[in-house]
Amino acid sequence: MIQFEVIIKAEGGLHARPAALLVNCVAQSQSKVFLIRKQDQKRVDARSILGIMTLGTVQGDQLLIEIDGPDEAQVSEAIRELFEES
């Protein structure tokens, strides 16, 4: 299992567009991916755009990303790139 933290840099948080990009990235993998909002430990499946949207993240929020599966290293790198770009 791989775990790492990211900080939401996007002004609108994880709104519809970045959430959709994340879901598409995760959907191509065989690994289980979860997002955990550090403030309240709310945990959602990263394959669910509705779940991501219910986190209600805003700029500056910290998320813990958990990835577990056969392609976790590749998924981890792809997710890190997504968060760096946004």
N, C-alpha and C. Protein backbone atom coordinates (compact mmCIF):
# COMPACT_ATOMS: atom_id res chain seq x y z
N MET A 1 0.83 -1.18 0.00
CA MET A 1 0.00 0.00 0.00
C MET A 1 0.88 1.24 0.00
N ILE A 2 0.44 2.23 -0.78
CA ILE A 2 1.12 3.51 -0.84
C ILE A 2 0.19 4.56 -0.25
N GLN A 3 0.74 5.43 0.60
CA GLN A 3 0.00 6.55 1.16
C GLN A 3 0.83 7.81 0.97
N PHE A 4 0.17 8.88 0.60
CA PHE A 4 0.84 10.17 0.52
C PHE A 4 -0.19 11.27 0.68
N GLU A 5 0.29 12.44 1.03
CA GLU A 5 -0.58 13.59 1.25
C GLU A 5 -0.46 14.58 0.11
N VAL A 6 -1.56 15.23 -0.18
CA VAL A 6 -1.58 16.32 -1.15
C VAL A 6 -2.34 17.48 -0.53
N ILE A 7 -2.04 18.66 -1.00
CA ILE A 7 -2.77 19.86 -0.60
C ILE A 7 -3.51 20.37 -1.83
N ILE A 8 -4.78 20.66 -1.67
CA ILE A 8 -5.59 21.16 -2.78
C ILE A 8 -5.13 22.57 -3.12
N LYS A 9 -4.63 22.74 -4.34
CA LYS A 9 -4.13 24.04 -4.77
C LYS A 9 -5.17 24.81 -5.58
N ALA A 10 -6.07 24.08 -6.23
CA ALA A 10 -7.07 24.71 -7.10
C ALA A 10 -7.97 25.63 -6.30
N GLU A 11 -8.26 26.78 -6.84
CA GLU A 11 -9.07 27.78 -6.15
C GLU A 11 -10.46 27.24 -5.80
N GLY A 12 -11.02 26.42 -6.65
CA GLY A 12 -12.36 25.89 -6.39
C GLY A 12 -12.38 24.55 -5.70
N GLY A 13 -11.25 24.10 -5.19
CA GLY A 13 -11.18 22.78 -4.56
C GLY A 13 -11.30 21.67 -5.59
N LEU A 14 -11.78 20.52 -5.17
CA LEU A 14 -11.98 19.40 -6.10
C LEU A 14 -13.40 19.49 -6.66
N HIS A 15 -13.61 20.47 -7.52
CA HIS A 15 -14.92 20.63 -8.14
C HIS A 15 -15.07 19.64 -9.30
N ALA A 16 -16.10 19.76 -10.08
CA ALA A 16 -16.47 18.76 -11.09
C ALA A 16 -15.34 18.39 -12.06
N ARG A 17 -14.66 19.36 -12.64
CA ARG A 17 -13.64 19.05 -13.65
C ARG A 17 -12.45 18.27 -13.07
N PRO A 18 -11.80 18.78 -12.01
CA PRO A 18 -10.68 18.00 -11.47
C PRO A 18 -11.12 16.67 -10.87
N ALA A 19 -12.32 16.61 -10.32
CA ALA A 19 -12.83 15.34 -9.79
C ALA A 19 -13.00 14.33 -10.92
N ALA A 20 -13.51 14.78 -12.06
CA ALA A 20 -13.68 13.89 -13.22
C ALA A 20 -12.33 13.40 -13.73
N LEU A 21 -11.34 14.28 -13.75
CA LEU A 21 -10.00 13.87 -14.19
C LEU A 21 -9.43 12.80 -13.26
N LEU A 22 -9.65 12.98 -11.97
CA LEU A 22 -9.16 12.01 -10.99
C LEU A 22 -9.87 10.66 -11.16
N VAL A 23 -11.19 10.69 -11.31
CA VAL A 23 -11.96 9.46 -11.49
C VAL A 23 -11.50 8.73 -12.75
N ASN A 24 -11.29 9.46 -13.84
CA ASN A 24 -10.82 8.83 -15.09
C ASN A 24 -9.45 8.20 -14.92
N CYS A 25 -8.58 8.86 -14.19
CA CYS A 25 -7.23 8.33 -13.94
C CYS A 25 -7.32 7.03 -13.14
N VAL A 26 -8.11 7.04 -12.08
CA VAL A 26 -8.24 5.88 -11.20
C VAL A 26 -8.96 4.73 -11.90
N ALA A 27 -9.94 5.05 -12.74
CA ALA A 27 -10.73 4.02 -13.43
C ALA A 27 -9.87 3.16 -14.35
N GLN A 28 -8.74 3.67 -14.79
CA GLN A 28 -7.85 2.93 -15.68
C GLN A 28 -6.94 1.97 -14.94
N SER A 29 -7.01 1.99 -13.61
CA SER A 29 -6.11 1.16 -12.82
C SER A 29 -6.84 -0.06 -12.25
N GLN A 30 -6.05 -0.97 -11.71
CA GLN A 30 -6.59 -2.14 -11.04
C GLN A 30 -6.53 -1.99 -9.52
N SER A 31 -5.98 -0.89 -9.06
CA SER A 31 -5.79 -0.66 -7.63
C SER A 31 -7.01 0.00 -7.01
N LYS A 32 -7.14 -0.19 -5.70
CA LYS A 32 -8.16 0.51 -4.93
C LYS A 32 -7.55 1.82 -4.48
N VAL A 33 -8.30 2.90 -4.66
CA VAL A 33 -7.80 4.23 -4.31
C VAL A 33 -8.84 4.93 -3.45
N PHE A 34 -8.39 5.47 -2.33
CA PHE A 34 -9.27 6.19 -1.42
C PHE A 34 -8.69 7.56 -1.12
N LEU A 35 -9.58 8.54 -0.95
CA LEU A 35 -9.21 9.88 -0.53
C LEU A 35 -9.72 10.07 0.89
N ILE A 36 -8.87 10.57 1.77
CA ILE A 36 -9.26 10.83 3.15
C ILE A 36 -8.98 12.30 3.45
N ARG A 37 -10.05 13.05 3.77
CA ARG A 37 -9.86 14.45 4.13
C ARG A 37 -9.30 14.50 5.54
N LYS A 38 -8.15 15.13 5.70
CA LYS A 38 -7.42 15.13 6.97
C LYS A 38 -8.20 15.80 8.10
N GLN A 39 -8.99 16.82 7.79
CA GLN A 39 -9.68 17.57 8.84
C GLN A 39 -10.63 16.69 9.64
N ASP A 40 -11.36 15.81 8.97
CA ASP A 40 -12.37 15.02 9.67
C ASP A 40 -12.29 13.52 9.39
N GLN A 41 -11.26 13.10 8.67
CA GLN A 41 -11.03 11.69 8.35
C GLN A 41 -12.13 11.08 7.48
N LYS A 42 -12.90 11.92 6.77
CA LYS A 42 -13.92 11.40 5.85
C LYS A 42 -13.20 10.69 4.71
N ARG A 43 -13.64 9.47 4.42
CA ARG A 43 -12.97 8.60 3.44
C ARG A 43 -13.93 8.26 2.31
N VAL A 44 -13.46 8.45 1.06
CA VAL A 44 -14.29 8.14 -0.10
C VAL A 44 -13.49 7.36 -1.14
N ASP A 45 -14.20 6.59 -1.93
CA ASP A 45 -13.61 5.84 -3.03
C ASP A 45 -13.33 6.82 -4.17
N ALA A 46 -12.11 6.83 -4.68
CA ALA A 46 -11.73 7.75 -5.73
C ALA A 46 -12.32 7.39 -7.09
N ARG A 47 -13.00 6.26 -7.20
CA ARG A 47 -13.69 5.90 -8.44
C ARG A 47 -15.08 6.54 -8.52
N SER A 48 -15.50 7.17 -7.45
CA SER A 48 -16.84 7.75 -7.36
C SER A 48 -16.78 9.27 -7.43
N ILE A 49 -17.24 9.84 -8.53
CA ILE A 49 -17.23 11.30 -8.63
C ILE A 49 -18.16 11.90 -7.58
N LEU A 50 -19.27 11.23 -7.31
CA LEU A 50 -20.19 11.72 -6.28
C LEU A 50 -19.51 11.71 -4.90
N GLY A 51 -18.77 10.64 -4.62
CA GLY A 51 -18.04 10.57 -3.36
C GLY A 51 -17.03 11.69 -3.22
N ILE A 52 -16.30 11.96 -4.28
CA ILE A 52 -15.30 13.02 -4.26
C ILE A 52 -15.96 14.37 -4.04
N MET A 53 -17.08 14.59 -4.73
CA MET A 53 -17.78 15.86 -4.60
C MET A 53 -18.33 16.05 -3.18
N THR A 54 -18.73 14.96 -2.52
CA THR A 54 -19.27 15.08 -1.16
C THR A 54 -18.19 15.44 -0.13
N LEU A 55 -16.93 15.30 -0.50
CA LEU A 55 -15.87 15.74 0.41
C LEU A 55 -15.93 17.24 0.64
N GLY A 56 -16.39 17.97 -0.38
CA GLY A 56 -16.50 19.42 -0.23
C GLY A 56 -15.17 20.11 0.01
N THR A 57 -14.13 19.65 -0.67
CA THR A 57 -12.80 20.23 -0.45
C THR A 57 -12.71 21.65 -0.98
N VAL A 58 -11.88 22.42 -0.33
CA VAL A 58 -11.60 23.78 -0.75
C VAL A 58 -10.08 23.95 -0.83
N GLN A 59 -9.68 25.04 -1.44
CA GLN A 59 -8.25 25.33 -1.57
C GLN A 59 -7.60 25.32 -0.19
N GLY A 60 -6.48 24.60 -0.09
CA GLY A 60 -5.74 24.52 1.16
C GLY A 60 -6.03 23.27 1.97
N ASP A 61 -7.11 22.55 1.65
CA ASP A 61 -7.41 21.30 2.36
C ASP A 61 -6.33 20.26 2.09
N GLN A 62 -6.07 19.42 3.08
CA GLN A 62 -5.12 18.33 2.94
C GLN A 62 -5.87 17.02 2.77
N LEU A 63 -5.42 16.22 1.80
CA LEU A 63 -5.99 14.90 1.57
C LEU A 63 -4.90 13.86 1.73
N LEU A 64 -5.27 12.74 2.32
CA LEU A 64 -4.40 11.57 2.36
C LEU A 64 -4.90 10.66 1.25
N ILE A 65 -4.01 10.22 0.38
CA ILE A 65 -4.35 9.31 -0.70
C ILE A 65 -3.83 7.94 -0.32
N GLU A 66 -4.71 6.93 -0.37
CA GLU A 66 -4.32 5.53 -0.11
C GLU A 66 -4.53 4.74 -1.39
N ILE A 67 -3.50 4.03 -1.80
CA ILE A 67 -3.57 3.22 -3.02
C ILE A 67 -3.07 1.83 -2.69
N ASP A 68 -3.85 0.83 -3.08
CA ASP A 68 -3.47 -0.55 -2.81
C ASP A 68 -3.84 -1.41 -4.01
N GLY A 69 -2.84 -2.04 -4.61
CA GLY A 69 -3.12 -2.91 -5.74
C GLY A 69 -1.88 -3.16 -6.58
N PRO A 70 -2.04 -3.93 -7.64
CA PRO A 70 -0.90 -4.36 -8.44
C PRO A 70 -0.20 -3.23 -9.20
N ASP A 71 -0.91 -2.14 -9.50
CA ASP A 71 -0.29 -1.05 -10.24
C ASP A 71 -0.24 0.24 -9.42
N GLU A 72 -0.11 0.07 -8.11
CA GLU A 72 -0.16 1.22 -7.20
C GLU A 72 0.91 2.27 -7.47
N ALA A 73 2.10 1.86 -7.87
CA ALA A 73 3.18 2.82 -8.12
C ALA A 73 2.83 3.72 -9.31
N GLN A 74 2.31 3.14 -10.37
CA GLN A 74 1.94 3.91 -11.55
C GLN A 74 0.77 4.85 -11.25
N VAL A 75 -0.21 4.35 -10.51
CA VAL A 75 -1.37 5.16 -10.16
C VAL A 75 -0.95 6.31 -9.25
N SER A 76 -0.07 6.03 -8.32
CA SER A 76 0.43 7.05 -7.41
C SER A 76 1.08 8.19 -8.20
N GLU A 77 1.91 7.85 -9.15
CA GLU A 77 2.60 8.87 -9.95
C GLU A 77 1.60 9.69 -10.77
N ALA A 78 0.62 9.03 -11.36
CA ALA A 78 -0.38 9.73 -12.16
C ALA A 78 -1.21 10.68 -11.29
N ILE A 79 -1.57 10.25 -10.10
CA ILE A 79 -2.36 11.11 -9.21
C ILE A 79 -1.53 12.29 -8.72
N ARG A 80 -0.28 12.03 -8.40
CA ARG A 80 0.60 13.15 -7.98
C ARG A 80 0.69 14.21 -9.07
N GLU A 81 0.82 13.76 -10.31
CA GLU A 81 0.91 14.69 -11.44
C GLU A 81 -0.38 15.50 -11.58
N LEU A 82 -1.52 14.84 -11.41
CA LEU A 82 -2.80 15.55 -11.49
C LEU A 82 -2.88 16.67 -10.45
N PHE A 83 -2.49 16.37 -9.23
CA PHE A 83 -2.57 17.37 -8.17
C PHE A 83 -1.54 18.48 -8.35
N GLU A 84 -0.40 18.18 -8.96
CA GLU A 84 0.61 19.21 -9.20
C GLU A 84 0.17 20.17 -10.30
N GLU A 85 -0.57 19.63 -11.28
CA GLU A 85 -1.02 20.44 -12.41
C GLU A 85 -2.17 21.36 -12.05
N SER A 86 -2.96 20.96 -11.06
CA SER A 86 -4.16 21.76 -10.75
C SER A 86 -3.90 22.77 -9.65
